[in-house]
Amino acid sequence: AAARRRLKGRVLALLTRHDLDTGTALAATQFESARSMTDRLSALTALVRSGATQAGDALRAYRQRFDGDALTLDKWFTLQATQPAHATLEHVQALAADPAFTLANPNRVHALVGTFARANPVAFHRPDGAGHRWFADKLSEIDARNPQLASRLAKAFEDWPRLEPQRRASAESSLHGMLARGGHSPDLDEILIRMLAAGEHAG
């Protein structure tokens, strides 16, 4: 049954790409009538990924329904953080100011900040470097509360030497900027130094 639901979600996503109107209409209907979280999330994902007009209402309905369920709400943050578009950065910044988001909750931090940096290369590696700078600032804030968490998240920068020149320069600048500001935990500083050294070796 679980496999059938996953296949159903994949077919819905493909249909939405092939026939936007039909796909989003079916996704909206599935979202409203879903009896399982898998069906509900696959429908919501199809609406959000396609930029459907129903996406906003569906996101608000999901948030209202599951506001008290931490794990389920994490999925709401994760979905929005993975939208492959440059403008997702501004949306993630707004979500970071949402009352349900807190740096004191590692799972919530992973759901939004970690997912953005690790699973959304389009937004994270924006050519203007804004994604790198925002993530670096967040790492500093997280490090003040939870150095181990910040160190794990910082590894999202590990592939920076393999980026094309403009994005590589942006990532390197953000890493150097963090070190220059100082005040970080030894754990995070060690990660930053190691990643910068790897870049010098690659160069």
N, C-alpha and C. Protein backbone atom coordinates (compact mmCIF):
# COMPACT_ATOMS: atom_id res chain seq x y z
N ALA A 1 0.83 -1.20 0.00
CA ALA A 1 0.00 0.00 0.00
C ALA A 1 0.87 1.26 0.00
N ALA A 2 1.95 1.22 0.78
CA ALA A 2 2.85 2.37 0.83
C ALA A 2 3.50 2.60 -0.53
N ALA A 3 3.88 1.51 -1.17
CA ALA A 3 4.51 1.63 -2.49
C ALA A 3 3.53 2.19 -3.51
N ARG A 4 2.29 1.78 -3.43
CA ARG A 4 1.27 2.29 -4.35
C ARG A 4 1.06 3.79 -4.15
N ARG A 5 1.07 4.21 -2.88
CA ARG A 5 0.90 5.65 -2.61
C ARG A 5 2.07 6.46 -3.14
N ARG A 6 3.28 5.92 -3.00
CA ARG A 6 4.46 6.62 -3.54
C ARG A 6 4.39 6.71 -5.06
N LEU A 7 3.99 5.62 -5.69
CA LEU A 7 3.87 5.62 -7.15
C LEU A 7 2.79 6.61 -7.59
N LYS A 8 1.70 6.64 -6.85
CA LYS A 8 0.63 7.57 -7.15
C LYS A 8 1.13 9.02 -7.08
N GLY A 9 1.94 9.31 -6.07
CA GLY A 9 2.49 10.65 -5.95
C GLY A 9 3.43 11.00 -7.08
N ARG A 10 4.23 10.02 -7.51
CA ARG A 10 5.16 10.27 -8.61
C ARG A 10 4.40 10.52 -9.92
N VAL A 11 3.36 9.73 -10.15
CA VAL A 11 2.55 9.92 -11.35
C VAL A 11 1.89 11.30 -11.34
N LEU A 12 1.42 11.71 -10.16
CA LEU A 12 0.79 13.02 -10.06
C LEU A 12 1.80 14.13 -10.37
N ALA A 13 3.01 13.99 -9.88
CA ALA A 13 4.05 14.99 -10.17
C ALA A 13 4.35 15.07 -11.65
N LEU A 14 4.45 13.91 -12.31
CA LEU A 14 4.72 13.88 -13.75
C LEU A 14 3.56 14.46 -14.54
N LEU A 15 2.34 14.14 -14.13
CA LEU A 15 1.17 14.67 -14.82
C LEU A 15 1.12 16.19 -14.71
N THR A 16 1.48 16.70 -13.54
CA THR A 16 1.48 18.15 -13.35
C THR A 16 2.47 18.83 -14.29
N ARG A 17 3.61 18.18 -14.52
CA ARG A 17 4.59 18.74 -15.45
C ARG A 17 4.11 18.65 -16.90
N HIS A 18 3.41 17.58 -17.22
CA HIS A 18 2.97 17.35 -18.60
C HIS A 18 1.73 18.17 -18.95
N ASP A 19 0.79 18.25 -18.01
CA ASP A 19 -0.48 18.95 -18.24
C ASP A 19 -0.81 19.73 -16.98
N LEU A 20 -0.37 20.98 -16.94
CA LEU A 20 -0.45 21.77 -15.70
C LEU A 20 -1.88 21.89 -15.17
N ASP A 21 -2.80 22.24 -16.02
CA ASP A 21 -4.16 22.46 -15.55
C ASP A 21 -4.79 21.19 -14.99
N THR A 22 -4.68 20.11 -15.72
CA THR A 22 -5.25 18.85 -15.26
C THR A 22 -4.54 18.36 -14.01
N GLY A 23 -3.22 18.43 -14.03
CA GLY A 23 -2.44 17.94 -12.90
C GLY A 23 -2.71 18.70 -11.62
N THR A 24 -2.75 20.02 -11.70
CA THR A 24 -2.99 20.80 -10.48
C THR A 24 -4.42 20.65 -9.98
N ALA A 25 -5.36 20.47 -10.90
CA ALA A 25 -6.75 20.23 -10.48
C ALA A 25 -6.86 18.92 -9.71
N LEU A 26 -6.18 17.87 -10.22
CA LEU A 26 -6.18 16.59 -9.53
C LEU A 26 -5.44 16.69 -8.19
N ALA A 27 -4.34 17.43 -8.17
CA ALA A 27 -3.58 17.58 -6.94
C ALA A 27 -4.40 18.31 -5.87
N ALA A 28 -5.12 19.34 -6.27
CA ALA A 28 -5.94 20.08 -5.32
C ALA A 28 -7.05 19.18 -4.75
N THR A 29 -7.65 18.38 -5.61
CA THR A 29 -8.70 17.46 -5.16
C THR A 29 -8.12 16.41 -4.21
N GLN A 30 -6.96 15.89 -4.57
CA GLN A 30 -6.32 14.88 -3.71
C GLN A 30 -5.95 15.47 -2.36
N PHE A 31 -5.46 16.70 -2.38
CA PHE A 31 -5.08 17.34 -1.12
C PHE A 31 -6.29 17.47 -0.18
N GLU A 32 -7.40 17.87 -0.73
CA GLU A 32 -8.59 18.09 0.09
C GLU A 32 -9.20 16.79 0.61
N SER A 33 -9.06 15.71 -0.16
CA SER A 33 -9.72 14.45 0.21
C SER A 33 -8.77 13.39 0.74
N ALA A 34 -7.48 13.73 0.88
CA ALA A 34 -6.48 12.74 1.26
C ALA A 34 -6.80 12.08 2.61
N ARG A 35 -6.58 10.78 2.65
CA ARG A 35 -6.79 10.03 3.89
C ARG A 35 -5.47 9.60 4.52
N SER A 36 -4.38 9.85 3.84
CA SER A 36 -3.06 9.52 4.38
C SER A 36 -2.15 10.72 4.22
N MET A 37 -1.13 10.77 5.08
CA MET A 37 -0.17 11.87 4.98
C MET A 37 0.62 11.79 3.69
N THR A 38 0.91 10.58 3.22
CA THR A 38 1.64 10.44 1.96
C THR A 38 0.88 11.08 0.81
N ASP A 39 -0.41 10.81 0.71
CA ASP A 39 -1.22 11.40 -0.35
C ASP A 39 -1.32 12.91 -0.19
N ARG A 40 -1.48 13.35 1.04
CA ARG A 40 -1.61 14.79 1.26
C ARG A 40 -0.32 15.53 0.90
N LEU A 41 0.79 14.98 1.30
CA LEU A 41 2.07 15.64 1.02
C LEU A 41 2.42 15.59 -0.47
N SER A 42 2.13 14.47 -1.12
CA SER A 42 2.43 14.40 -2.56
C SER A 42 1.58 15.39 -3.34
N ALA A 43 0.35 15.59 -2.91
CA ALA A 43 -0.52 16.57 -3.57
C ALA A 43 -0.01 17.98 -3.31
N LEU A 44 0.35 18.25 -2.07
CA LEU A 44 0.87 19.58 -1.72
C LEU A 44 2.16 19.85 -2.47
N THR A 45 3.02 18.85 -2.55
CA THR A 45 4.28 19.01 -3.28
C THR A 45 4.04 19.33 -4.74
N ALA A 46 3.10 18.64 -5.36
CA ALA A 46 2.79 18.89 -6.77
C ALA A 46 2.29 20.32 -6.96
N LEU A 47 1.47 20.79 -6.04
CA LEU A 47 0.94 22.15 -6.15
C LEU A 47 2.05 23.19 -5.99
N VAL A 48 2.90 22.99 -5.00
CA VAL A 48 3.97 23.95 -4.74
C VAL A 48 4.99 23.94 -5.87
N ARG A 49 5.43 22.76 -6.27
CA ARG A 49 6.46 22.65 -7.32
C ARG A 49 5.99 23.26 -8.65
N SER A 50 4.70 23.15 -8.92
CA SER A 50 4.18 23.65 -10.20
C SER A 50 3.83 25.13 -10.14
N GLY A 51 3.89 25.72 -8.95
CA GLY A 51 3.50 27.12 -8.81
C GLY A 51 2.01 27.34 -9.01
N ALA A 52 1.22 26.32 -8.69
CA ALA A 52 -0.22 26.39 -8.90
C ALA A 52 -0.85 27.49 -8.04
N THR A 53 -1.92 28.07 -8.54
CA THR A 53 -2.61 29.12 -7.79
C THR A 53 -3.19 28.57 -6.48
N GLN A 54 -3.44 27.26 -6.42
CA GLN A 54 -4.00 26.66 -5.22
C GLN A 54 -2.94 26.41 -4.15
N ALA A 55 -1.66 26.59 -4.49
CA ALA A 55 -0.59 26.23 -3.56
C ALA A 55 -0.64 27.02 -2.26
N GLY A 56 -0.87 28.32 -2.36
CA GLY A 56 -0.90 29.15 -1.17
C GLY A 56 -1.98 28.73 -0.18
N ASP A 57 -3.19 28.50 -0.70
CA ASP A 57 -4.29 28.07 0.18
C ASP A 57 -3.99 26.71 0.79
N ALA A 58 -3.39 25.82 0.00
CA ALA A 58 -3.08 24.48 0.50
C ALA A 58 -2.02 24.54 1.59
N LEU A 59 -1.01 25.36 1.42
CA LEU A 59 0.01 25.51 2.44
C LEU A 59 -0.57 26.06 3.75
N ARG A 60 -1.45 27.03 3.61
CA ARG A 60 -2.08 27.61 4.81
C ARG A 60 -2.99 26.58 5.49
N ALA A 61 -3.70 25.80 4.70
CA ALA A 61 -4.59 24.79 5.27
C ALA A 61 -3.79 23.72 6.00
N TYR A 62 -2.68 23.31 5.41
CA TYR A 62 -1.81 22.30 6.03
C TYR A 62 -1.26 22.83 7.34
N ARG A 63 -0.78 24.07 7.30
CA ARG A 63 -0.21 24.68 8.51
C ARG A 63 -1.25 24.76 9.63
N GLN A 64 -2.43 25.19 9.29
CA GLN A 64 -3.49 25.32 10.29
C GLN A 64 -3.87 23.96 10.88
N ARG A 65 -3.93 22.96 10.04
CA ARG A 65 -4.36 21.63 10.49
C ARG A 65 -3.32 20.96 11.37
N PHE A 66 -2.04 21.14 11.05
CA PHE A 66 -0.99 20.40 11.75
C PHE A 66 -0.09 21.29 12.59
N ASP A 67 -0.57 22.44 12.98
CA ASP A 67 0.26 23.40 13.69
C ASP A 67 0.83 22.83 14.99
N GLY A 68 0.14 21.91 15.62
CA GLY A 68 0.62 21.37 16.88
C GLY A 68 1.41 20.09 16.75
N ASP A 69 1.60 19.62 15.53
CA ASP A 69 2.32 18.37 15.29
C ASP A 69 3.72 18.70 14.77
N ALA A 70 4.71 18.60 15.62
CA ALA A 70 6.06 19.06 15.29
C ALA A 70 6.64 18.34 14.07
N LEU A 71 6.56 17.03 14.03
CA LEU A 71 7.15 16.27 12.94
C LEU A 71 6.48 16.60 11.61
N THR A 72 5.16 16.69 11.63
CA THR A 72 4.42 16.98 10.41
C THR A 72 4.68 18.41 9.95
N LEU A 73 4.83 19.32 10.89
CA LEU A 73 5.11 20.71 10.52
C LEU A 73 6.52 20.84 9.95
N ASP A 74 7.45 20.00 10.42
CA ASP A 74 8.78 20.01 9.83
C ASP A 74 8.72 19.73 8.33
N LYS A 75 7.83 18.84 7.93
CA LYS A 75 7.68 18.52 6.51
C LYS A 75 7.19 19.75 5.73
N TRP A 76 6.38 20.57 6.36
CA TRP A 76 5.87 21.80 5.75
C TRP A 76 7.02 22.76 5.48
N PHE A 77 7.92 22.90 6.44
CA PHE A 77 9.09 23.75 6.25
C PHE A 77 10.00 23.17 5.18
N THR A 78 10.24 21.87 5.24
CA THR A 78 11.13 21.21 4.28
C THR A 78 10.65 21.37 2.85
N LEU A 79 9.38 21.17 2.62
CA LEU A 79 8.83 21.29 1.28
C LEU A 79 9.10 22.66 0.69
N GLN A 80 8.87 23.68 1.46
CA GLN A 80 9.04 25.04 0.94
C GLN A 80 10.51 25.40 0.74
N ALA A 81 11.38 24.81 1.55
CA ALA A 81 12.81 25.10 1.42
C ALA A 81 13.43 24.46 0.19
N THR A 82 12.76 23.47 -0.40
CA THR A 82 13.33 22.77 -1.54
C THR A 82 12.78 23.25 -2.89
N GLN A 83 11.95 24.28 -2.89
CA GLN A 83 11.44 24.79 -4.16
C GLN A 83 12.61 25.31 -5.00
N PRO A 84 12.88 24.70 -6.17
CA PRO A 84 14.07 25.05 -6.95
C PRO A 84 13.93 26.36 -7.72
N ALA A 85 14.09 27.46 -7.03
CA ALA A 85 13.99 28.78 -7.66
C ALA A 85 14.84 29.77 -6.86
N HIS A 86 15.40 30.75 -7.53
CA HIS A 86 16.21 31.74 -6.84
C HIS A 86 15.41 32.45 -5.74
N ALA A 87 14.13 32.72 -6.02
CA ALA A 87 13.29 33.45 -5.07
C ALA A 87 12.99 32.67 -3.80
N THR A 88 13.32 31.38 -3.79
CA THR A 88 13.07 30.59 -2.59
C THR A 88 13.86 31.13 -1.41
N LEU A 89 15.00 31.74 -1.65
CA LEU A 89 15.78 32.30 -0.55
C LEU A 89 14.94 33.29 0.25
N GLU A 90 14.29 34.22 -0.45
CA GLU A 90 13.47 35.21 0.26
C GLU A 90 12.32 34.54 1.01
N HIS A 91 11.77 33.50 0.44
CA HIS A 91 10.69 32.78 1.11
C HIS A 91 11.21 32.08 2.37
N VAL A 92 12.38 31.48 2.26
CA VAL A 92 12.99 30.82 3.42
C VAL A 92 13.32 31.84 4.51
N GLN A 93 13.78 33.00 4.11
CA GLN A 93 14.05 34.05 5.08
C GLN A 93 12.78 34.44 5.83
N ALA A 94 11.67 34.51 5.11
CA ALA A 94 10.39 34.82 5.76
C ALA A 94 9.97 33.69 6.70
N LEU A 95 10.19 32.45 6.28
CA LEU A 95 9.84 31.31 7.12
C LEU A 95 10.69 31.28 8.39
N ALA A 96 11.92 31.76 8.31
CA ALA A 96 12.79 31.80 9.49
C ALA A 96 12.27 32.76 10.54
N ALA A 97 11.38 33.66 10.13
CA ALA A 97 10.76 34.60 11.07
C ALA A 97 9.38 34.12 11.51
N ASP A 98 8.97 32.95 11.02
CA ASP A 98 7.67 32.39 11.39
C ASP A 98 7.68 32.02 12.88
N PRO A 99 6.58 32.25 13.59
CA PRO A 99 6.53 31.91 15.02
C PRO A 99 6.82 30.44 15.31
N ALA A 100 6.58 29.56 14.33
CA ALA A 100 6.82 28.13 14.54
C ALA A 100 8.28 27.74 14.34
N PHE A 101 9.08 28.65 13.83
CA PHE A 101 10.49 28.34 13.62
C PHE A 101 11.31 28.82 14.81
N THR A 102 12.21 27.97 15.27
CA THR A 102 13.09 28.34 16.36
C THR A 102 14.44 27.66 16.21
N LEU A 103 15.50 28.38 16.48
CA LEU A 103 16.84 27.82 16.43
C LEU A 103 17.09 26.87 17.58
N ALA A 104 16.20 26.88 18.57
CA ALA A 104 16.36 25.99 19.72
C ALA A 104 15.91 24.57 19.43
N ASN A 105 15.29 24.35 18.28
CA ASN A 105 14.80 23.03 17.90
C ASN A 105 15.65 22.50 16.73
N PRO A 106 16.57 21.57 16.99
CA PRO A 106 17.45 21.07 15.91
C PRO A 106 16.69 20.49 14.73
N ASN A 107 15.60 19.79 14.98
CA ASN A 107 14.84 19.22 13.87
C ASN A 107 14.24 20.31 12.99
N ARG A 108 13.78 21.39 13.60
CA ARG A 108 13.21 22.48 12.83
C ARG A 108 14.30 23.19 12.05
N VAL A 109 15.48 23.31 12.63
CA VAL A 109 16.61 23.93 11.94
C VAL A 109 17.02 23.08 10.73
N HIS A 110 17.08 21.77 10.93
CA HIS A 110 17.40 20.88 9.80
C HIS A 110 16.34 21.01 8.71
N ALA A 111 15.07 21.08 9.12
CA ALA A 111 13.97 21.10 8.16
C ALA A 111 14.03 22.32 7.25
N LEU A 112 14.39 23.46 7.79
CA LEU A 112 14.40 24.69 7.00
C LEU A 112 15.80 25.07 6.52
N VAL A 113 16.69 25.35 7.45
CA VAL A 113 18.03 25.83 7.10
C VAL A 113 18.86 24.74 6.45
N GLY A 114 18.87 23.55 7.07
CA GLY A 114 19.65 22.46 6.52
C GLY A 114 19.16 22.01 5.16
N THR A 115 17.86 21.89 5.02
CA THR A 115 17.29 21.47 3.73
C THR A 115 17.60 22.49 2.65
N PHE A 116 17.47 23.76 2.97
CA PHE A 116 17.76 24.81 1.99
C PHE A 116 19.18 24.67 1.45
N ALA A 117 20.16 24.48 2.34
CA ALA A 117 21.55 24.45 1.91
C ALA A 117 21.95 23.13 1.26
N ARG A 118 21.37 22.04 1.72
CA ARG A 118 21.78 20.73 1.23
C ARG A 118 20.97 20.23 0.05
N ALA A 119 19.73 20.65 -0.04
CA ALA A 119 18.83 20.05 -1.03
C ALA A 119 18.25 21.04 -2.04
N ASN A 120 18.76 22.26 -2.04
CA ASN A 120 18.25 23.25 -2.99
C ASN A 120 19.42 24.02 -3.60
N PRO A 121 20.19 23.37 -4.48
CA PRO A 121 21.35 24.04 -5.06
C PRO A 121 20.99 25.27 -5.88
N VAL A 122 19.79 25.30 -6.45
CA VAL A 122 19.39 26.45 -7.26
C VAL A 122 19.35 27.71 -6.40
N ALA A 123 18.72 27.63 -5.25
CA ALA A 123 18.60 28.80 -4.39
C ALA A 123 19.85 29.04 -3.55
N PHE A 124 20.43 27.95 -3.02
CA PHE A 124 21.61 28.10 -2.17
C PHE A 124 22.78 28.69 -2.94
N HIS A 125 22.99 28.21 -4.16
CA HIS A 125 24.12 28.69 -4.97
C HIS A 125 23.68 29.77 -5.96
N ARG A 126 22.80 30.65 -5.52
CA ARG A 126 22.42 31.77 -6.38
C ARG A 126 23.65 32.52 -6.88
N PRO A 127 23.65 32.95 -8.14
CA PRO A 127 24.83 33.62 -8.68
C PRO A 127 25.23 34.88 -7.91
N ASP A 128 24.25 35.54 -7.27
CA ASP A 128 24.59 36.77 -6.54
C ASP A 128 25.17 36.51 -5.16
N GLY A 129 25.26 35.23 -4.75
CA GLY A 129 25.87 34.90 -3.47
C GLY A 129 24.99 35.10 -2.27
N ALA A 130 23.75 35.54 -2.48
CA ALA A 130 22.87 35.83 -1.34
C ALA A 130 22.56 34.59 -0.51
N GLY A 131 22.43 33.44 -1.19
CA GLY A 131 22.15 32.20 -0.47
C GLY A 131 23.30 31.83 0.43
N HIS A 132 24.53 31.96 -0.06
CA HIS A 132 25.71 31.66 0.75
C HIS A 132 25.81 32.58 1.96
N ARG A 133 25.58 33.87 1.74
CA ARG A 133 25.72 34.84 2.84
C ARG A 133 24.67 34.60 3.92
N TRP A 134 23.43 34.34 3.49
CA TRP A 134 22.37 34.11 4.48
C TRP A 134 22.66 32.86 5.30
N PHE A 135 23.08 31.80 4.62
CA PHE A 135 23.37 30.55 5.32
C PHE A 135 24.54 30.73 6.29
N ALA A 136 25.56 31.46 5.88
CA ALA A 136 26.70 31.70 6.75
C ALA A 136 26.27 32.46 8.01
N ASP A 137 25.42 33.45 7.84
CA ASP A 137 24.92 34.20 9.00
C ASP A 137 24.13 33.29 9.93
N LYS A 138 23.30 32.42 9.36
CA LYS A 138 22.52 31.49 10.17
C LYS A 138 23.43 30.51 10.91
N LEU A 139 24.48 30.06 10.26
CA LEU A 139 25.41 29.15 10.91
C LEU A 139 26.00 29.79 12.16
N SER A 140 26.33 31.06 12.07
CA SER A 140 26.89 31.75 13.24
C SER A 140 25.87 31.80 14.38
N GLU A 141 24.61 32.07 14.03
CA GLU A 141 23.57 32.10 15.06
C GLU A 141 23.37 30.72 15.69
N ILE A 142 23.35 29.71 14.85
CA ILE A 142 23.15 28.34 15.34
C ILE A 142 24.32 27.91 16.20
N ASP A 143 25.53 28.28 15.78
CA ASP A 143 26.74 27.90 16.51
C ASP A 143 26.72 28.42 17.95
N ALA A 144 26.14 29.60 18.14
CA ALA A 144 26.07 30.17 19.49
C ALA A 144 25.20 29.33 20.42
N ARG A 145 24.29 28.56 19.83
CA ARG A 145 23.39 27.72 20.63
C ARG A 145 23.81 26.25 20.65
N ASN A 146 24.25 25.77 19.47
CA ASN A 146 24.50 24.35 19.31
C ASN A 146 25.66 24.14 18.34
N PRO A 147 26.89 24.17 18.84
CA PRO A 147 28.07 24.05 17.96
C PRO A 147 28.09 22.78 17.13
N GLN A 148 27.64 21.68 17.70
CA GLN A 148 27.66 20.43 16.93
C GLN A 148 26.71 20.48 15.74
N LEU A 149 25.55 21.07 15.97
CA LEU A 149 24.59 21.21 14.87
C LEU A 149 25.15 22.12 13.79
N ALA A 150 25.73 23.24 14.19
CA ALA A 150 26.31 24.18 13.22
C ALA A 150 27.41 23.51 12.41
N SER A 151 28.23 22.70 13.06
CA SER A 151 29.32 22.02 12.37
C SER A 151 28.80 21.04 11.33
N ARG A 152 27.73 20.34 11.68
CA ARG A 152 27.15 19.40 10.71
C ARG A 152 26.55 20.14 9.53
N LEU A 153 25.85 21.22 9.80
CA LEU A 153 25.21 21.97 8.72
C LEU A 153 26.24 22.64 7.81
N ALA A 154 27.35 23.07 8.40
CA ALA A 154 28.37 23.78 7.62
C ALA A 154 28.91 22.94 6.49
N LYS A 155 28.79 21.62 6.59
CA LYS A 155 29.30 20.74 5.55
C LYS A 155 28.56 20.90 4.23
N ALA A 156 27.47 21.66 4.24
CA ALA A 156 26.79 21.97 2.99
C ALA A 156 27.71 22.75 2.05
N PHE A 157 28.74 23.37 2.62
CA PHE A 157 29.71 24.12 1.81
C PHE A 157 30.83 23.23 1.26
N GLU A 158 30.84 21.95 1.61
CA GLU A 158 31.99 21.10 1.29
C GLU A 158 32.33 21.05 -0.20
N ASP A 159 31.33 21.14 -1.04
CA ASP A 159 31.58 21.00 -2.48
C ASP A 159 31.95 22.31 -3.16
N TRP A 160 32.21 23.35 -2.37
CA TRP A 160 32.43 24.66 -2.98
C TRP A 160 33.59 24.68 -4.00
N PRO A 161 34.67 23.89 -3.82
CA PRO A 161 35.74 23.97 -4.81
C PRO A 161 35.32 23.49 -6.20
N ARG A 162 34.23 22.72 -6.28
CA ARG A 162 33.80 22.18 -7.57
C ARG A 162 32.75 23.05 -8.26
N LEU A 163 32.39 24.17 -7.65
CA LEU A 163 31.43 25.07 -8.28
C LEU A 163 32.09 25.84 -9.42
N GLU A 164 31.26 26.39 -10.30
CA GLU A 164 31.82 27.22 -11.37
C GLU A 164 32.39 28.50 -10.73
N PRO A 165 33.27 29.23 -11.42
CA PRO A 165 34.06 30.29 -10.81
C PRO A 165 33.27 31.33 -10.00
N GLN A 166 32.16 31.83 -10.53
CA GLN A 166 31.42 32.88 -9.82
C GLN A 166 30.87 32.37 -8.49
N ARG A 167 30.26 31.21 -8.53
CA ARG A 167 29.68 30.65 -7.30
C ARG A 167 30.78 30.17 -6.35
N ARG A 168 31.84 29.67 -6.91
CA ARG A 168 32.97 29.24 -6.07
C ARG A 168 33.53 30.43 -5.30
N ALA A 169 33.71 31.55 -5.97
CA ALA A 169 34.23 32.74 -5.31
C ALA A 169 33.29 33.22 -4.21
N SER A 170 32.00 33.13 -4.45
CA SER A 170 31.01 33.54 -3.46
C SER A 170 31.08 32.65 -2.22
N ALA A 171 31.12 31.34 -2.43
CA ALA A 171 31.19 30.42 -1.30
C ALA A 171 32.47 30.62 -0.51
N GLU A 172 33.58 30.77 -1.21
CA GLU A 172 34.86 30.98 -0.53
C GLU A 172 34.84 32.27 0.28
N SER A 173 34.25 33.31 -0.29
CA SER A 173 34.15 34.58 0.42
C SER A 173 33.34 34.44 1.70
N SER A 174 32.25 33.67 1.64
CA SER A 174 31.42 33.48 2.83
C SER A 174 32.17 32.71 3.91
N LEU A 175 32.93 31.70 3.49
CA LEU A 175 33.71 30.92 4.45
C LEU A 175 34.80 31.77 5.10
N HIS A 176 35.51 32.54 4.30
CA HIS A 176 36.53 33.43 4.85
C HIS A 176 35.89 34.48 5.76
N GLY A 177 34.73 34.98 5.35
CA GLY A 177 34.05 35.99 6.15
C GLY A 177 33.68 35.46 7.53
N MET A 178 33.24 34.22 7.60
CA MET A 178 32.90 33.64 8.89
C MET A 178 34.13 33.54 9.78
N LEU A 179 35.24 33.08 9.21
CA LEU A 179 36.46 32.97 10.00
C LEU A 179 36.94 34.34 10.47
N ALA A 180 36.83 35.33 9.61
CA ALA A 180 37.30 36.66 9.96
C ALA A 180 36.48 37.29 11.08
N ARG A 181 35.19 36.99 11.12
CA ARG A 181 34.35 37.54 12.19
C ARG A 181 34.71 36.97 13.54
N GLY A 182 35.14 35.71 13.54
CA GLY A 182 35.54 35.08 14.80
C GLY A 182 34.37 34.84 15.73
N GLY A 183 34.70 34.39 16.94
CA GLY A 183 33.68 34.17 17.95
C GLY A 183 32.94 32.85 17.81
N HIS A 184 33.41 31.99 16.92
CA HIS A 184 32.74 30.72 16.73
C HIS A 184 33.33 29.64 17.65
N SER A 185 32.63 28.54 17.72
CA SER A 185 33.10 27.41 18.51
C SER A 185 34.31 26.78 17.82
N PRO A 186 35.16 26.09 18.59
CA PRO A 186 36.28 25.38 17.97
C PRO A 186 35.81 24.36 16.94
N ASP A 187 34.65 23.73 17.19
CA ASP A 187 34.13 22.74 16.25
C ASP A 187 33.87 23.35 14.88
N LEU A 188 33.19 24.51 14.88
CA LEU A 188 32.86 25.14 13.61
C LEU A 188 34.10 25.70 12.93
N ASP A 189 34.99 26.33 13.70
CA ASP A 189 36.22 26.86 13.11
C ASP A 189 37.03 25.76 12.44
N GLU A 190 37.08 24.60 13.07
CA GLU A 190 37.83 23.48 12.49
C GLU A 190 37.25 23.07 11.14
N ILE A 191 35.92 23.02 11.06
CA ILE A 191 35.27 22.66 9.80
C ILE A 191 35.57 23.70 8.73
N LEU A 192 35.47 24.97 9.08
CA LEU A 192 35.71 26.05 8.12
C LEU A 192 37.14 26.01 7.60
N ILE A 193 38.09 25.85 8.50
CA ILE A 193 39.51 25.81 8.11
C ILE A 193 39.77 24.61 7.20
N ARG A 194 39.20 23.48 7.55
CA ARG A 194 39.39 22.27 6.75
C ARG A 194 38.83 22.44 5.34
N MET A 195 37.64 23.05 5.23
CA MET A 195 37.04 23.22 3.92
C MET A 195 37.83 24.21 3.06
N LEU A 196 38.32 25.28 3.67
CA LEU A 196 39.12 26.24 2.92
C LEU A 196 40.44 25.61 2.47
N ALA A 197 41.03 24.79 3.32
CA ALA A 197 42.27 24.12 2.96
C ALA A 197 42.05 23.16 1.80
N ALA A 198 40.90 22.50 1.81
CA ALA A 198 40.57 21.57 0.72
C ALA A 198 40.47 22.33 -0.60
N GLY A 199 39.93 23.53 -0.53
CA GLY A 199 39.81 24.34 -1.73
C GLY A 199 41.17 24.76 -2.27
N GLU A 200 42.08 25.11 -1.37
CA GLU A 200 43.44 25.49 -1.80
C GLU A 200 44.13 24.30 -2.45
N HIS A 201 43.92 23.12 -1.88
CA HIS A 201 44.54 21.92 -2.43
C HIS A 201 43.97 21.61 -3.82
N ALA A 202 42.64 21.79 -3.95
CA ALA A 202 41.99 21.52 -5.23
C ALA A 202 42.47 22.50 -6.29
N GLY A 203 42.71 23.76 -5.83
CA GLY A 203 43.15 24.75 -6.79
C GLY A 203 44.56 24.48 -7.28
